[in-house]
N, C-alpha and C. Protein backbone atom coordinates (compact mmCIF):
# COMPACT_ATOMS: atom_id res chain seq x y z
N UNK A 1 5.90 -30.00 -9.10
CA UNK A 1 4.89 -29.12 -9.90
C UNK A 1 4.44 -27.94 -9.07
N UNK A 2 4.33 -28.09 -7.74
CA UNK A 2 3.84 -27.09 -6.88
C UNK A 2 4.79 -25.95 -6.85
N UNK A 3 6.18 -26.20 -6.86
CA UNK A 3 7.30 -25.22 -6.75
C UNK A 3 7.17 -24.39 -8.16
N UNK A 4 6.94 -25.10 -9.35
CA UNK A 4 6.87 -24.45 -10.52
C UNK A 4 5.65 -23.58 -10.60
N UNK A 5 4.57 -23.93 -10.06
CA UNK A 5 3.44 -23.11 -10.04
C UNK A 5 3.48 -21.85 -9.19
N UNK A 6 4.26 -21.98 -8.10
CA UNK A 6 4.66 -20.83 -7.14
C UNK A 6 5.60 -19.98 -7.88
N UNK A 7 6.64 -20.46 -8.52
CA UNK A 7 7.55 -19.69 -9.30
C UNK A 7 6.79 -18.91 -10.36
N UNK A 8 5.96 -19.54 -11.18
CA UNK A 8 5.27 -19.02 -12.28
C UNK A 8 4.38 -17.79 -11.72
N UNK A 9 3.62 -18.13 -10.72
CA UNK A 9 2.68 -17.16 -10.18
C UNK A 9 3.59 -15.88 -9.62
N UNK A 10 4.68 -16.14 -9.12
CA UNK A 10 5.48 -15.12 -8.62
C UNK A 10 6.02 -14.20 -9.76
N UNK A 11 6.53 -14.84 -10.80
CA UNK A 11 6.98 -14.03 -11.95
C UNK A 11 5.79 -13.33 -12.65
N UNK A 12 4.67 -13.97 -12.77
CA UNK A 12 3.42 -13.20 -13.49
C UNK A 12 3.18 -11.98 -12.54
N UNK A 13 2.96 -12.17 -11.26
CA UNK A 13 2.66 -11.11 -10.39
C UNK A 13 3.73 -10.01 -10.34
N UNK A 14 4.94 -10.32 -10.46
CA UNK A 14 5.99 -9.40 -10.49
C UNK A 14 5.90 -8.60 -11.96
N UNK A 15 5.49 -9.34 -12.84
CA UNK A 15 5.41 -8.48 -14.27
C UNK A 15 4.30 -7.71 -14.29
N UNK A 16 3.08 -8.14 -13.76
CA UNK A 16 1.92 -7.44 -13.94
C UNK A 16 1.87 -6.20 -12.88
N UNK A 17 2.50 -6.21 -11.86
CA UNK A 17 2.62 -5.29 -10.82
C UNK A 17 3.69 -4.20 -11.20
N UNK A 18 3.68 -3.80 -12.50
CA UNK A 18 4.61 -2.69 -12.89
C UNK A 18 3.72 -1.56 -13.67
N UNK A 19 4.35 -0.42 -13.61
CA UNK A 19 3.65 0.62 -14.44
C UNK A 19 3.80 0.35 -15.89
N UNK A 20 4.71 -0.25 -16.33
CA UNK A 20 4.98 -0.72 -17.79
C UNK A 20 3.87 -1.64 -18.25
N UNK A 21 3.59 -2.52 -17.30
CA UNK A 21 2.32 -3.40 -17.64
C UNK A 21 1.08 -2.59 -17.78
N UNK A 22 0.89 -1.64 -16.91
CA UNK A 22 -0.29 -0.73 -16.87
C UNK A 22 -0.32 -0.04 -18.19
N UNK A 23 0.83 0.48 -18.70
CA UNK A 23 0.86 1.32 -20.03
C UNK A 23 0.48 0.28 -21.15
N UNK A 24 1.04 -1.05 -21.03
CA UNK A 24 0.67 -1.97 -22.09
C UNK A 24 -0.81 -2.27 -22.14
N UNK A 25 -1.28 -2.49 -20.85
CA UNK A 25 -2.80 -2.87 -20.91
C UNK A 25 -3.57 -1.55 -21.27
N UNK A 26 -3.14 -0.34 -21.05
CA UNK A 26 -3.85 0.84 -21.50
C UNK A 26 -3.81 0.89 -23.20
N UNK A 27 -2.75 0.54 -23.73
CA UNK A 27 -2.62 0.46 -25.06
C UNK A 27 -3.40 -0.48 -25.70
N UNK A 28 -3.47 -1.68 -25.10
CA UNK A 28 -4.27 -2.86 -25.59
C UNK A 28 -5.87 -2.46 -25.52
N UNK A 29 -6.18 -1.76 -24.34
CA UNK A 29 -7.66 -1.36 -24.30
C UNK A 29 -7.81 -0.25 -25.17
N UNK A 30 -6.94 0.56 -25.55
CA UNK A 30 -7.34 1.80 -26.49
C UNK A 30 -7.47 1.21 -27.86
N UNK A 31 -7.13 0.07 -28.08
CA UNK A 31 -7.35 -0.49 -29.56
C UNK A 31 -8.79 -0.65 -29.85
N UNK A 32 -9.57 -1.00 -28.86
CA UNK A 32 -11.00 -1.25 -29.09
C UNK A 32 -11.77 0.18 -28.78
N UNK A 33 -11.15 1.26 -28.48
CA UNK A 33 -11.93 2.47 -28.06
C UNK A 33 -12.62 2.93 -29.33
N UNK A 34 -11.93 3.16 -30.41
CA UNK A 34 -12.59 3.74 -31.54
C UNK A 34 -13.81 3.02 -31.99
N UNK A 35 -13.92 1.79 -31.94
CA UNK A 35 -15.07 0.93 -32.27
C UNK A 35 -16.18 1.11 -31.23
N UNK A 36 -15.90 1.09 -30.01
CA UNK A 36 -16.90 1.59 -28.92
C UNK A 36 -17.56 2.88 -29.00
N UNK A 37 -16.63 3.86 -29.47
CA UNK A 37 -17.28 5.21 -29.70
C UNK A 37 -17.94 5.40 -30.91
N UNK A 38 -17.52 4.63 -31.97
CA UNK A 38 -18.31 4.70 -33.28
C UNK A 38 -19.59 3.82 -33.03
N UNK A 39 -19.90 3.12 -32.01
CA UNK A 39 -21.07 2.41 -31.87
C UNK A 39 -22.16 3.44 -31.55
N UNK A 40 -21.69 4.53 -30.98
CA UNK A 40 -22.73 5.56 -30.49
C UNK A 40 -23.60 5.17 -29.44
N UNK A 41 -23.47 3.87 -28.91
CA UNK A 41 -24.25 3.48 -27.79
C UNK A 41 -23.60 3.81 -26.51
N UNK A 42 -24.25 4.47 -25.66
CA UNK A 42 -23.65 4.90 -24.47
C UNK A 42 -23.31 3.62 -23.44
N UNK A 43 -24.20 2.66 -23.67
CA UNK A 43 -23.90 1.38 -22.95
C UNK A 43 -22.66 0.70 -23.36
N UNK A 44 -22.39 0.74 -24.55
CA UNK A 44 -21.09 0.13 -25.02
C UNK A 44 -19.94 0.88 -24.67
N UNK A 45 -19.90 2.29 -24.56
CA UNK A 45 -18.82 3.04 -24.20
C UNK A 45 -18.67 2.99 -22.77
N UNK A 46 -19.81 2.95 -21.98
CA UNK A 46 -19.63 2.68 -20.45
C UNK A 46 -19.03 1.41 -20.20
N UNK A 47 -19.41 0.30 -20.96
CA UNK A 47 -18.89 -1.10 -20.75
C UNK A 47 -17.39 -1.07 -21.12
N UNK A 48 -17.04 -0.43 -22.25
CA UNK A 48 -15.62 -0.33 -22.45
C UNK A 48 -14.86 0.26 -21.47
N UNK A 49 -15.24 1.38 -20.98
CA UNK A 49 -14.59 2.03 -19.80
C UNK A 49 -14.50 1.09 -18.67
N UNK A 50 -15.50 0.65 -18.17
CA UNK A 50 -15.69 -0.22 -17.02
C UNK A 50 -14.98 -1.52 -17.08
N UNK A 51 -15.27 -2.28 -18.13
CA UNK A 51 -14.77 -3.67 -18.29
C UNK A 51 -13.60 -3.79 -18.89
N UNK A 52 -13.24 -2.91 -19.98
CA UNK A 52 -11.98 -3.15 -20.63
C UNK A 52 -10.80 -2.22 -20.06
N UNK A 53 -11.08 -0.90 -20.14
CA UNK A 53 -9.97 0.12 -19.64
C UNK A 53 -9.61 -0.09 -18.12
N UNK A 54 -10.76 0.16 -17.46
CA UNK A 54 -10.52 0.15 -15.88
C UNK A 54 -9.93 -1.22 -15.25
N UNK A 55 -10.62 -2.29 -15.75
CA UNK A 55 -10.16 -3.49 -15.26
C UNK A 55 -8.77 -3.88 -15.67
N UNK A 56 -8.56 -3.65 -16.88
CA UNK A 56 -6.92 -4.05 -17.35
C UNK A 56 -5.98 -2.93 -16.74
N UNK A 57 -6.28 -1.79 -16.77
CA UNK A 57 -5.22 -0.78 -16.26
C UNK A 57 -5.13 -0.70 -14.79
N UNK A 58 -6.28 -0.63 -14.14
CA UNK A 58 -6.23 -0.43 -12.63
C UNK A 58 -5.67 -1.75 -12.09
N UNK A 59 -5.81 -2.76 -12.68
CA UNK A 59 -5.29 -4.08 -11.99
C UNK A 59 -3.64 -3.85 -11.69
N UNK A 60 -3.02 -3.47 -12.63
CA UNK A 60 -1.43 -3.15 -12.54
C UNK A 60 -1.25 -2.02 -11.57
N UNK A 61 -1.99 -0.92 -11.74
CA UNK A 61 -1.83 0.20 -10.88
C UNK A 61 -2.08 -0.08 -9.50
N UNK A 62 -3.06 -0.89 -9.17
CA UNK A 62 -3.42 -1.09 -7.79
C UNK A 62 -2.30 -2.05 -7.31
N UNK A 63 -1.68 -2.98 -8.13
CA UNK A 63 -0.68 -3.78 -7.51
C UNK A 63 0.58 -3.09 -7.32
N UNK A 64 0.86 -2.11 -8.15
CA UNK A 64 2.01 -1.19 -7.95
C UNK A 64 1.92 -0.39 -6.69
N UNK A 65 0.65 0.14 -6.47
CA UNK A 65 0.42 0.86 -5.18
C UNK A 65 0.54 -0.04 -3.92
N UNK A 66 0.12 -1.21 -3.98
CA UNK A 66 0.21 -2.13 -2.97
C UNK A 66 1.79 -2.37 -2.69
N UNK A 67 2.56 -2.47 -3.75
CA UNK A 67 4.07 -2.69 -3.57
C UNK A 67 4.64 -1.52 -2.92
N UNK A 68 4.20 -0.35 -3.36
CA UNK A 68 4.75 0.93 -2.71
C UNK A 68 4.30 1.12 -1.27
N UNK A 69 2.98 0.59 -1.00
CA UNK A 69 2.60 0.74 0.53
C UNK A 69 3.16 -0.28 1.40
N UNK A 70 3.51 -1.59 0.86
CA UNK A 70 4.19 -2.54 1.62
C UNK A 70 5.65 -2.04 1.92
N UNK A 71 6.33 -1.53 1.03
CA UNK A 71 7.67 -1.00 1.11
C UNK A 71 7.63 0.07 2.31
N UNK A 72 6.69 0.90 2.26
CA UNK A 72 6.52 2.05 3.26
C UNK A 72 6.40 1.43 4.72
N UNK A 73 5.42 0.25 4.79
CA UNK A 73 5.30 -0.38 6.01
C UNK A 73 6.56 -1.05 6.45
N UNK A 74 7.11 -1.63 5.51
CA UNK A 74 8.40 -2.43 5.76
C UNK A 74 9.57 -1.48 6.26
N UNK A 75 9.55 -0.25 5.67
CA UNK A 75 10.55 0.70 6.14
C UNK A 75 10.14 1.12 7.69
N UNK A 76 8.88 1.29 7.83
CA UNK A 76 8.36 1.79 9.19
C UNK A 76 8.83 0.73 10.24
N UNK A 77 8.50 -0.49 9.75
CA UNK A 77 8.87 -1.69 10.70
C UNK A 77 10.35 -1.77 11.05
N UNK A 78 11.06 -1.63 10.05
CA UNK A 78 12.66 -1.65 10.26
C UNK A 78 13.11 -0.46 11.00
N UNK A 79 12.55 0.63 10.91
CA UNK A 79 12.88 1.76 11.66
C UNK A 79 12.51 1.63 13.16
N UNK A 80 11.19 1.06 13.40
CA UNK A 80 10.74 0.85 14.70
C UNK A 80 11.64 -0.25 15.33
N UNK A 81 12.00 -1.33 14.56
CA UNK A 81 12.84 -2.46 15.09
C UNK A 81 14.18 -1.65 15.68
N UNK A 82 14.83 -1.01 14.65
CA UNK A 82 16.20 -0.44 15.00
C UNK A 82 16.01 0.57 16.26
N UNK A 83 14.87 1.31 16.38
CA UNK A 83 14.82 2.20 17.47
C UNK A 83 14.62 1.41 18.68
N UNK A 84 13.85 0.35 18.67
CA UNK A 84 13.63 -0.55 19.89
C UNK A 84 14.93 -1.21 20.32
N UNK A 85 15.72 -1.74 19.33
CA UNK A 85 17.02 -2.26 19.76
C UNK A 85 17.71 -1.16 20.40
N UNK A 86 17.91 -0.11 19.87
CA UNK A 86 18.81 0.95 20.55
C UNK A 86 18.16 1.39 21.83
N UNK A 87 16.94 1.47 22.02
CA UNK A 87 16.33 1.72 23.36
C UNK A 87 16.72 0.59 24.34
N UNK A 88 16.62 -0.71 23.79
CA UNK A 88 16.94 -1.73 24.74
C UNK A 88 18.34 -1.76 25.14
N UNK A 89 19.11 -1.37 24.25
CA UNK A 89 20.61 -1.19 24.65
C UNK A 89 20.86 -0.13 25.71
N UNK A 90 20.14 0.97 25.47
CA UNK A 90 20.17 2.08 26.48
C UNK A 90 19.85 1.47 27.78
N UNK A 91 18.68 0.86 27.72
CA UNK A 91 18.08 0.42 28.89
C UNK A 91 19.09 -0.59 29.90
N UNK A 92 19.73 -1.32 28.86
CA UNK A 92 20.69 -2.34 29.54
C UNK A 92 21.69 -1.43 30.25
N UNK A 93 22.38 -0.46 29.53
CA UNK A 93 23.39 0.29 29.98
C UNK A 93 23.06 0.95 31.29
N UNK A 94 21.73 1.54 31.31
CA UNK A 94 21.25 2.28 32.35
C UNK A 94 21.14 1.29 33.61
N UNK A 95 20.66 0.16 33.37
CA UNK A 95 20.50 -0.95 34.35
C UNK A 95 21.89 -1.19 34.97
N UNK A 96 22.92 -1.31 34.02
CA UNK A 96 24.30 -1.74 34.54
C UNK A 96 24.73 -0.51 35.57
N UNK A 97 24.48 0.71 35.00
CA UNK A 97 24.83 1.93 35.74
C UNK A 97 24.17 1.98 37.14
N UNK A 98 22.88 1.62 37.05
CA UNK A 98 22.02 1.59 38.30
C UNK A 98 22.62 0.63 39.30
N UNK A 99 22.89 -0.61 38.81
CA UNK A 99 23.38 -1.80 39.69
C UNK A 99 24.70 -1.17 40.16
N UNK A 100 25.64 -0.57 39.48
CA UNK A 100 26.86 -0.21 40.05
C UNK A 100 26.72 0.82 41.10
N UNK A 101 25.80 1.78 40.85
CA UNK A 101 25.53 2.87 41.96
C UNK A 101 24.87 2.18 43.16
N UNK A 102 24.07 1.26 43.01
CA UNK A 102 23.41 0.64 44.09
C UNK A 102 24.40 -0.04 44.89
N UNK A 103 25.44 -0.75 44.22
CA UNK A 103 26.46 -1.48 44.92
C UNK A 103 27.35 -0.47 45.75
N UNK A 104 27.62 0.65 45.00
CA UNK A 104 28.36 1.77 45.77
C UNK A 104 27.71 2.30 46.99
N UNK A 105 26.25 2.58 46.77
CA UNK A 105 25.57 2.94 47.97
C UNK A 105 25.65 2.06 49.20
N UNK A 106 25.38 0.74 48.62
CA UNK A 106 25.41 -0.38 49.74
C UNK A 106 26.69 -0.34 50.53
N UNK A 107 27.81 -0.11 49.86
CA UNK A 107 29.19 -0.19 50.44
C UNK A 107 29.26 1.13 51.29
N UNK A 108 28.77 2.37 50.90
CA UNK A 108 28.73 3.46 51.69
C UNK A 108 27.92 3.35 52.91
N UNK A 109 26.81 2.66 52.73
CA UNK A 109 25.95 2.50 53.99
C UNK A 109 26.59 1.51 54.90
N UNK A 110 27.51 0.56 54.51
CA UNK A 110 28.16 -0.33 55.45
C UNK A 110 29.25 0.54 55.91
N UNK A 111 30.04 1.38 55.25
CA UNK A 111 31.07 2.04 55.74
C UNK A 111 30.56 3.13 56.89
N UNK A 112 29.30 3.74 56.60
CA UNK A 112 28.68 4.61 57.64
C UNK A 112 28.38 3.86 58.90
N UNK A 113 27.76 2.65 58.78
CA UNK A 113 27.46 1.88 59.95
C UNK A 113 28.77 1.42 60.70
N UNK A 114 29.71 1.11 59.97
CA UNK A 114 30.96 0.82 60.74
C UNK A 114 31.49 2.01 61.48
N UNK A 115 31.50 3.10 60.83
CA UNK A 115 31.97 4.35 61.48
C UNK A 115 31.25 4.71 62.68
N UNK A 116 29.84 4.57 62.57
CA UNK A 116 29.01 4.81 63.74
C UNK A 116 29.22 3.97 64.86
N UNK A 117 29.41 2.68 64.61
CA UNK A 117 29.68 1.70 65.59
C UNK A 117 31.28 2.11 66.23
N UNK A 118 32.09 2.49 65.55
CA UNK A 118 33.39 2.97 65.99
C UNK A 118 33.36 4.18 66.81
N UNK A 119 32.51 5.11 66.45
CA UNK A 119 32.28 6.37 67.26
C UNK A 119 31.54 5.95 68.45
N UNK A 120 30.52 5.24 68.57
CA UNK A 120 29.88 4.77 69.74
C UNK A 120 30.82 3.90 70.63
N UNK A 121 31.61 3.17 70.15
CA UNK A 121 32.55 2.43 70.90
C UNK A 121 33.51 3.38 71.62
N UNK A 122 33.99 4.53 70.88
CA UNK A 122 34.86 5.40 71.52
C UNK A 122 34.22 6.34 72.45
N UNK A 123 32.90 6.70 72.30
CA UNK A 123 32.22 7.51 73.31
C UNK A 123 31.93 6.64 74.48
N UNK A 124 31.73 5.47 74.51
CA UNK A 124 31.55 4.66 75.65
C UNK A 124 32.78 4.66 76.45
N UNK A 125 33.79 4.78 76.05
CA UNK A 125 35.12 4.56 76.73
C UNK A 125 35.28 5.82 77.66
């Protein structure tokens, strides 16, 4: 039953979070507009705007906006992740290059010390 409830909630949310649903809700709300206007009571008209139109229509529009904003955040996260991975790979390559250069410098240092000892030995003779 819990899976069904989650599935149904997902379907309803996906349906309500569309501009088509906002258009439908606006059409439904507009059905009662002539009666609110004909009442001549400003309180009734304000109540219609606030309670009928805004609540019905803005619900869907806000949900659509949230979907758009979350996609934007998701895109930013994916771009940042990709850039981080690329930077990490560059850092690994730089580390390998540095390790190789350090090994070469170490070998050069050993060769220089060996040559110095050979020169010192020849000078002592």
